[in-house]
Amino acid sequence: MVLRIRLARFGTKRAPVYNIVLAQAKSARGKKPIEVLGTYDPIPRIPLASPGDTPLPAADGVSTSASVATPPKRYKDIKLDTARTKYWLGVGAQPTEPVAKLLNMIGLVEAKPSRTTQQKASLPEASAPEKTATV
């Protein structure tokens, strides 16, 4: 029984949300998984502001360039049960390529070399033609 850690799509049209699930390799994407390990929201969103993040207006009412706030950075939300994911990886579950990229960002899996770098490494380098001496 080959187990895969893969993405199962949920959400609405043009607003996908994925569950990171453990499922058998031959089962359908929408079929009930063995275990749900986490969620992934691929749409970058602004994190909720905390009270310390909001800039206070200047006391004299004149805004300066220092008081102008830059727009907050947007983040893709990844929530993952790392203990269960480490367990399933240790048992032999294989992540799909998109999940492997997510796990690499978190630091659970080392990055695989991409196909283009593998192809470049496998091609023989163009070298000068060898000259043979005849006697």
N, C-alpha and C. Protein backbone atom coordinates (compact mmCIF):
# COMPACT_ATOMS: atom_id res chain seq x y z
N MET A 1 0.85 -1.17 0.00
CA MET A 1 0.00 0.00 0.00
C MET A 1 0.90 1.24 0.00
N VAL A 2 0.92 1.96 -1.11
CA VAL A 2 1.73 3.17 -1.25
C VAL A 2 0.93 4.36 -0.73
N LEU A 3 1.51 5.08 0.21
CA LEU A 3 0.85 6.25 0.78
C LEU A 3 1.46 7.52 0.21
N ARG A 4 0.63 8.48 -0.07
CA ARG A 4 1.06 9.77 -0.61
C ARG A 4 0.56 10.89 0.29
N ILE A 5 1.41 11.88 0.49
CA ILE A 5 0.98 13.12 1.13
C ILE A 5 0.73 14.08 -0.02
N ARG A 6 -0.52 14.51 -0.18
CA ARG A 6 -0.87 15.33 -1.34
C ARG A 6 -1.91 16.38 -0.97
N LEU A 7 -2.26 17.20 -1.95
CA LEU A 7 -3.21 18.28 -1.74
C LEU A 7 -4.59 17.84 -2.21
N ALA A 8 -5.62 18.13 -1.40
CA ALA A 8 -7.01 17.90 -1.78
C ALA A 8 -7.69 19.26 -1.82
N ARG A 9 -8.25 19.61 -2.96
CA ARG A 9 -8.79 20.96 -3.15
C ARG A 9 -10.17 21.12 -2.51
N PHE A 10 -10.32 22.25 -1.81
CA PHE A 10 -11.60 22.67 -1.25
C PHE A 10 -11.75 24.14 -1.57
N GLY A 11 -12.79 24.76 -1.11
CA GLY A 11 -12.98 26.17 -1.36
C GLY A 11 -13.95 26.39 -2.51
N THR A 12 -13.99 27.63 -3.01
CA THR A 12 -14.92 27.97 -4.07
C THR A 12 -14.17 28.24 -5.36
N LYS A 13 -14.91 28.63 -6.38
CA LYS A 13 -14.28 28.99 -7.65
C LYS A 13 -13.36 30.17 -7.44
N ARG A 14 -12.19 30.10 -8.00
CA ARG A 14 -11.18 31.16 -7.95
C ARG A 14 -10.74 31.51 -6.54
N ALA A 15 -11.08 30.71 -5.57
CA ALA A 15 -10.61 30.92 -4.19
C ALA A 15 -10.30 29.55 -3.59
N PRO A 16 -9.25 28.89 -4.10
CA PRO A 16 -8.98 27.53 -3.62
C PRO A 16 -8.37 27.52 -2.22
N VAL A 17 -8.68 26.47 -1.50
CA VAL A 17 -8.04 26.15 -0.23
C VAL A 17 -7.77 24.66 -0.31
N TYR A 18 -6.59 24.26 0.08
CA TYR A 18 -6.21 22.85 -0.03
C TYR A 18 -6.02 22.25 1.36
N ASN A 19 -6.47 21.02 1.52
CA ASN A 19 -6.12 20.23 2.69
C ASN A 19 -4.89 19.42 2.31
N ILE A 20 -3.92 19.36 3.21
CA ILE A 20 -2.76 18.50 3.03
C ILE A 20 -3.15 17.18 3.67
N VAL A 21 -3.30 16.14 2.85
CA VAL A 21 -3.86 14.89 3.32
C VAL A 21 -2.92 13.72 3.05
N LEU A 22 -3.13 12.66 3.80
CA LEU A 22 -2.45 11.39 3.58
C LEU A 22 -3.48 10.45 2.97
N ALA A 23 -3.18 9.93 1.78
CA ALA A 23 -4.13 9.05 1.09
C ALA A 23 -3.35 7.98 0.34
N GLN A 24 -4.06 6.94 -0.05
CA GLN A 24 -3.45 5.91 -0.88
C GLN A 24 -3.16 6.51 -2.25
N ALA A 25 -2.11 6.07 -2.89
CA ALA A 25 -1.66 6.67 -4.14
C ALA A 25 -2.70 6.52 -5.24
N LYS A 26 -3.47 5.45 -5.26
CA LYS A 26 -4.39 5.20 -6.36
C LYS A 26 -5.79 5.76 -6.10
N SER A 27 -6.02 6.35 -4.93
CA SER A 27 -7.35 6.88 -4.64
C SER A 27 -7.56 8.23 -5.32
N ALA A 28 -8.82 8.60 -5.53
CA ALA A 28 -9.16 9.85 -6.20
C ALA A 28 -8.84 11.04 -5.30
N ARG A 29 -8.71 12.22 -5.93
CA ARG A 29 -8.34 13.42 -5.19
C ARG A 29 -9.41 13.80 -4.17
N GLY A 30 -10.68 13.62 -4.51
CA GLY A 30 -11.76 14.02 -3.61
C GLY A 30 -12.21 12.94 -2.65
N LYS A 31 -11.62 11.74 -2.73
CA LYS A 31 -12.02 10.65 -1.85
C LYS A 31 -11.57 10.90 -0.43
N LYS A 32 -12.24 10.29 0.52
CA LYS A 32 -11.93 10.49 1.94
C LYS A 32 -10.50 10.01 2.22
N PRO A 33 -9.67 10.87 2.81
CA PRO A 33 -8.28 10.51 3.06
C PRO A 33 -8.14 9.68 4.33
N ILE A 34 -6.95 9.11 4.50
CA ILE A 34 -6.65 8.38 5.73
C ILE A 34 -6.54 9.36 6.89
N GLU A 35 -5.86 10.50 6.65
CA GLU A 35 -5.67 11.51 7.70
C GLU A 35 -5.47 12.87 7.06
N VAL A 36 -6.04 13.91 7.68
CA VAL A 36 -5.81 15.28 7.24
C VAL A 36 -4.68 15.83 8.10
N LEU A 37 -3.58 16.25 7.44
CA LEU A 37 -2.39 16.71 8.15
C LEU A 37 -2.34 18.22 8.32
N GLY A 38 -3.04 18.97 7.46
CA GLY A 38 -3.01 20.42 7.57
C GLY A 38 -3.76 21.08 6.44
N THR A 39 -3.61 22.41 6.34
CA THR A 39 -4.26 23.17 5.29
C THR A 39 -3.25 24.09 4.63
N TYR A 40 -3.55 24.49 3.39
CA TYR A 40 -2.71 25.41 2.63
C TYR A 40 -3.60 26.35 1.86
N ASP A 41 -3.41 27.65 2.07
CA ASP A 41 -4.15 28.67 1.35
C ASP A 41 -3.18 29.36 0.39
N PRO A 42 -3.28 29.10 -0.92
CA PRO A 42 -2.30 29.63 -1.86
C PRO A 42 -2.47 31.11 -2.20
N ILE A 43 -3.58 31.72 -1.79
CA ILE A 43 -3.81 33.12 -2.10
C ILE A 43 -3.15 33.96 -1.00
N PRO A 44 -2.20 34.84 -1.38
CA PRO A 44 -1.53 35.66 -0.36
C PRO A 44 -2.51 36.61 0.32
N ARG A 45 -2.48 36.61 1.63
CA ARG A 45 -3.38 37.47 2.40
C ARG A 45 -2.58 38.29 3.40
N ILE A 46 -3.14 39.43 3.78
CA ILE A 46 -2.51 40.29 4.78
C ILE A 46 -2.83 39.70 6.15
N PRO A 47 -1.81 39.50 7.00
CA PRO A 47 -2.09 38.96 8.33
C PRO A 47 -2.88 39.97 9.16
N LEU A 48 -3.59 39.45 10.15
CA LEU A 48 -4.36 40.31 11.04
C LEU A 48 -3.40 41.22 11.81
N ALA A 49 -3.76 42.48 11.96
CA ALA A 49 -2.89 43.44 12.63
C ALA A 49 -3.02 43.29 14.14
N SER A 50 -1.89 43.39 14.80
CA SER A 50 -1.90 43.40 16.26
C SER A 50 -1.85 44.86 16.71
N PRO A 51 -2.19 45.18 17.97
CA PRO A 51 -2.22 46.57 18.41
C PRO A 51 -0.88 47.27 18.27
N GLY A 52 0.23 46.60 18.36
CA GLY A 52 1.54 47.22 18.25
C GLY A 52 1.94 47.53 16.81
N ASP A 53 1.23 46.95 15.82
CA ASP A 53 1.59 47.14 14.43
C ASP A 53 1.01 48.41 13.82
N THR A 54 -0.07 48.94 14.37
CA THR A 54 -0.71 50.09 13.75
C THR A 54 0.05 51.36 14.12
N PRO A 55 0.38 52.19 13.12
CA PRO A 55 1.11 53.43 13.43
C PRO A 55 0.18 54.45 14.06
N LEU A 56 0.70 55.19 15.01
CA LEU A 56 -0.06 56.24 15.66
C LEU A 56 0.09 57.53 14.87
N PRO A 57 -0.97 58.36 14.79
CA PRO A 57 -0.84 59.62 14.08
C PRO A 57 0.07 60.57 14.84
N ALA A 58 0.69 61.49 14.12
CA ALA A 58 1.59 62.45 14.74
C ALA A 58 0.80 63.37 15.66
N ALA A 59 1.43 63.82 16.74
CA ALA A 59 0.76 64.64 17.75
C ALA A 59 0.36 66.00 17.18
N ASP A 60 1.17 66.56 16.28
CA ASP A 60 0.86 67.88 15.74
C ASP A 60 -0.07 67.82 14.53
N GLY A 61 -0.46 66.64 14.12
CA GLY A 61 -1.39 66.49 13.02
C GLY A 61 -0.72 66.50 11.66
N VAL A 62 0.56 66.80 11.59
CA VAL A 62 1.29 66.82 10.33
C VAL A 62 1.92 65.45 10.13
N SER A 63 1.63 64.85 8.99
CA SER A 63 2.21 63.54 8.75
C SER A 63 3.58 63.71 8.12
N THR A 64 4.51 62.94 8.58
CA THR A 64 5.86 62.94 8.03
C THR A 64 6.08 61.65 7.29
N SER A 65 7.17 61.59 6.55
CA SER A 65 7.46 60.38 5.79
C SER A 65 7.75 59.21 6.73
N ALA A 66 8.22 59.50 7.94
CA ALA A 66 8.52 58.43 8.88
C ALA A 66 7.24 57.82 9.43
N SER A 67 6.17 58.60 9.51
CA SER A 67 4.93 58.08 10.08
C SER A 67 4.06 57.38 9.03
N VAL A 68 4.44 57.49 7.75
CA VAL A 68 3.68 56.82 6.70
C VAL A 68 4.02 55.34 6.75
N ALA A 69 2.98 54.53 6.89
CA ALA A 69 3.20 53.09 7.01
C ALA A 69 3.29 52.46 5.63
N THR A 70 4.18 51.52 5.50
CA THR A 70 4.27 50.76 4.26
C THR A 70 3.20 49.68 4.30
N PRO A 71 2.71 49.27 3.14
CA PRO A 71 1.68 48.22 3.16
C PRO A 71 2.27 46.93 3.72
N PRO A 72 1.49 46.23 4.52
CA PRO A 72 2.01 45.00 5.11
C PRO A 72 2.25 43.92 4.06
N LYS A 73 3.18 43.05 4.35
CA LYS A 73 3.53 41.96 3.43
C LYS A 73 2.44 40.90 3.47
N ARG A 74 2.16 40.33 2.30
CA ARG A 74 1.14 39.29 2.20
C ARG A 74 1.80 37.91 2.34
N TYR A 75 1.09 36.99 3.00
CA TYR A 75 1.63 35.65 3.25
C TYR A 75 0.63 34.59 2.79
N LYS A 76 1.19 33.49 2.30
CA LYS A 76 0.39 32.31 2.00
C LYS A 76 0.33 31.50 3.30
N ASP A 77 -0.86 31.09 3.67
CA ASP A 77 -1.06 30.44 4.96
C ASP A 77 -0.85 28.93 4.84
N ILE A 78 0.08 28.40 5.64
CA ILE A 78 0.31 26.96 5.71
C ILE A 78 0.18 26.54 7.16
N LYS A 79 -0.78 25.68 7.44
CA LYS A 79 -0.95 25.13 8.78
C LYS A 79 -0.74 23.62 8.66
N LEU A 80 0.17 23.07 9.49
CA LEU A 80 0.54 21.68 9.34
C LEU A 80 0.84 21.06 10.69
N ASP A 81 0.37 19.85 10.91
CA ASP A 81 0.71 19.09 12.10
C ASP A 81 2.06 18.43 11.82
N THR A 82 3.14 19.07 12.28
CA THR A 82 4.48 18.61 11.93
C THR A 82 4.81 17.25 12.55
N ALA A 83 4.31 16.98 13.74
CA ALA A 83 4.61 15.70 14.38
C ALA A 83 4.04 14.54 13.57
N ARG A 84 2.78 14.67 13.14
CA ARG A 84 2.17 13.60 12.36
C ARG A 84 2.81 13.49 10.97
N THR A 85 3.18 14.62 10.40
CA THR A 85 3.83 14.60 9.08
C THR A 85 5.18 13.91 9.17
N LYS A 86 5.97 14.21 10.21
CA LYS A 86 7.26 13.54 10.40
C LYS A 86 7.05 12.04 10.59
N TYR A 87 6.01 11.67 11.33
CA TYR A 87 5.73 10.25 11.54
C TYR A 87 5.45 9.56 10.21
N TRP A 88 4.55 10.13 9.40
CA TRP A 88 4.19 9.49 8.14
C TRP A 88 5.34 9.48 7.15
N LEU A 89 6.17 10.51 7.15
CA LEU A 89 7.36 10.49 6.30
C LEU A 89 8.33 9.40 6.76
N GLY A 90 8.44 9.21 8.06
CA GLY A 90 9.31 8.17 8.60
C GLY A 90 8.81 6.77 8.28
N VAL A 91 7.50 6.60 8.22
CA VAL A 91 6.90 5.30 7.90
C VAL A 91 7.07 4.98 6.42
N GLY A 92 7.23 6.02 5.58
CA GLY A 92 7.46 5.76 4.17
C GLY A 92 6.49 6.45 3.23
N ALA A 93 5.67 7.35 3.73
CA ALA A 93 4.76 8.09 2.85
C ALA A 93 5.57 9.02 1.94
N GLN A 94 5.16 9.11 0.69
CA GLN A 94 5.89 9.90 -0.29
C GLN A 94 5.11 11.17 -0.60
N PRO A 95 5.73 12.35 -0.43
CA PRO A 95 5.01 13.58 -0.78
C PRO A 95 5.02 13.80 -2.29
N THR A 96 3.95 14.39 -2.81
CA THR A 96 3.93 14.78 -4.21
C THR A 96 4.81 16.01 -4.39
N GLU A 97 5.08 16.41 -5.63
CA GLU A 97 5.98 17.54 -5.87
C GLU A 97 5.50 18.84 -5.22
N PRO A 98 4.21 19.23 -5.35
CA PRO A 98 3.78 20.46 -4.69
C PRO A 98 3.91 20.39 -3.17
N VAL A 99 3.59 19.24 -2.59
CA VAL A 99 3.69 19.09 -1.14
C VAL A 99 5.16 19.07 -0.73
N ALA A 100 6.02 18.49 -1.54
CA ALA A 100 7.45 18.47 -1.22
C ALA A 100 7.99 19.90 -1.18
N LYS A 101 7.52 20.77 -2.08
CA LYS A 101 7.94 22.17 -2.06
C LYS A 101 7.49 22.86 -0.78
N LEU A 102 6.24 22.58 -0.35
CA LEU A 102 5.74 23.16 0.89
C LEU A 102 6.53 22.65 2.09
N LEU A 103 6.80 21.35 2.13
CA LEU A 103 7.56 20.78 3.23
C LEU A 103 8.99 21.29 3.24
N ASN A 104 9.53 21.60 2.07
CA ASN A 104 10.87 22.18 1.99
C ASN A 104 10.87 23.58 2.58
N MET A 105 9.81 24.37 2.31
CA MET A 105 9.73 25.72 2.88
C MET A 105 9.65 25.67 4.40
N ILE A 106 8.98 24.66 4.94
CA ILE A 106 8.86 24.52 6.39
C ILE A 106 10.15 23.96 6.98
N GLY A 107 10.85 23.13 6.20
CA GLY A 107 12.10 22.55 6.67
C GLY A 107 12.01 21.09 7.05
N LEU A 108 10.96 20.41 6.63
CA LEU A 108 10.81 18.99 6.96
C LEU A 108 11.48 18.06 5.95
N VAL A 109 11.65 18.53 4.71
CA VAL A 109 12.21 17.70 3.64
C VAL A 109 13.27 18.51 2.92
N GLU A 110 14.35 17.84 2.49
CA GLU A 110 15.36 18.51 1.69
C GLU A 110 14.84 18.68 0.28
N ALA A 111 15.28 19.75 -0.37
CA ALA A 111 14.83 20.02 -1.73
C ALA A 111 15.45 19.04 -2.70
N LYS A 112 14.64 18.53 -3.60
CA LYS A 112 15.14 17.67 -4.67
C LYS A 112 15.70 18.57 -5.76
N PRO A 113 16.73 18.14 -6.47
CA PRO A 113 17.19 18.94 -7.60
C PRO A 113 16.11 18.95 -8.68
N SER A 114 15.93 20.09 -9.31
CA SER A 114 14.88 20.20 -10.32
C SER A 114 15.26 19.40 -11.56
N ARG A 115 14.30 19.17 -12.42
CA ARG A 115 14.54 18.36 -13.62
C ARG A 115 15.53 19.05 -14.55
N THR A 116 15.48 20.37 -14.61
CA THR A 116 16.39 21.06 -15.52
C THR A 116 17.83 20.93 -15.06
N THR A 117 18.08 20.98 -13.76
CA THR A 117 19.45 20.81 -13.28
C THR A 117 19.90 19.37 -13.45
N GLN A 118 18.98 18.42 -13.33
CA GLN A 118 19.34 17.02 -13.55
C GLN A 118 19.69 16.80 -15.02
N GLN A 119 18.95 17.42 -15.93
CA GLN A 119 19.23 17.25 -17.35
C GLN A 119 20.56 17.88 -17.72
N LYS A 120 20.86 19.05 -17.15
CA LYS A 120 22.13 19.70 -17.43
C LYS A 120 23.29 18.87 -16.91
N ALA A 121 23.11 18.24 -15.76
CA ALA A 121 24.18 17.43 -15.18
C ALA A 121 24.40 16.14 -15.98
N SER A 122 23.34 15.61 -16.58
CA SER A 122 23.48 14.35 -17.30
C SER A 122 24.04 14.54 -18.71
N LEU A 123 23.95 15.75 -19.27
CA LEU A 123 24.49 15.98 -20.61
C LEU A 123 26.01 16.06 -20.55
N PRO A 124 26.71 15.42 -21.52
CA PRO A 124 28.17 15.54 -21.53
C PRO A 124 28.57 16.95 -21.95
N GLU A 125 29.60 17.45 -21.35
CA GLU A 125 30.05 18.80 -21.66
C GLU A 125 30.72 18.81 -23.03
N ALA A 126 30.52 19.89 -23.73
CA ALA A 126 31.14 20.02 -25.05
C ALA A 126 32.61 20.37 -24.86
N SER A 127 33.45 19.48 -25.29
CA SER A 127 34.88 19.72 -25.13
C SER A 127 35.52 19.76 -26.52
N ALA A 128 36.73 20.19 -26.56
CA ALA A 128 37.46 20.29 -27.84
C ALA A 128 37.66 18.88 -28.39
N PRO A 129 37.60 18.73 -29.71
CA PRO A 129 37.80 17.39 -30.28
C PRO A 129 39.22 16.90 -30.00
N GLU A 130 39.28 15.63 -29.68
CA GLU A 130 40.58 15.06 -29.35
C GLU A 130 41.32 14.72 -30.64
N LYS A 131 42.61 14.99 -30.63
CA LYS A 131 43.43 14.67 -31.79
C LYS A 131 44.17 13.37 -31.49
N THR A 132 44.14 12.48 -32.46
CA THR A 132 44.86 11.23 -32.30
C THR A 132 46.07 11.25 -33.23
N ALA A 133 47.13 10.73 -32.75
CA ALA A 133 48.36 10.67 -33.54
C ALA A 133 48.42 9.34 -34.26
N THR A 134 48.77 9.38 -35.53
CA THR A 134 48.93 8.15 -36.31
C THR A 134 50.42 7.92 -36.56
N VAL A 135 50.82 6.70 -36.51
CA VAL A 135 52.23 6.36 -36.70
C VAL A 135 52.44 5.73 -38.03
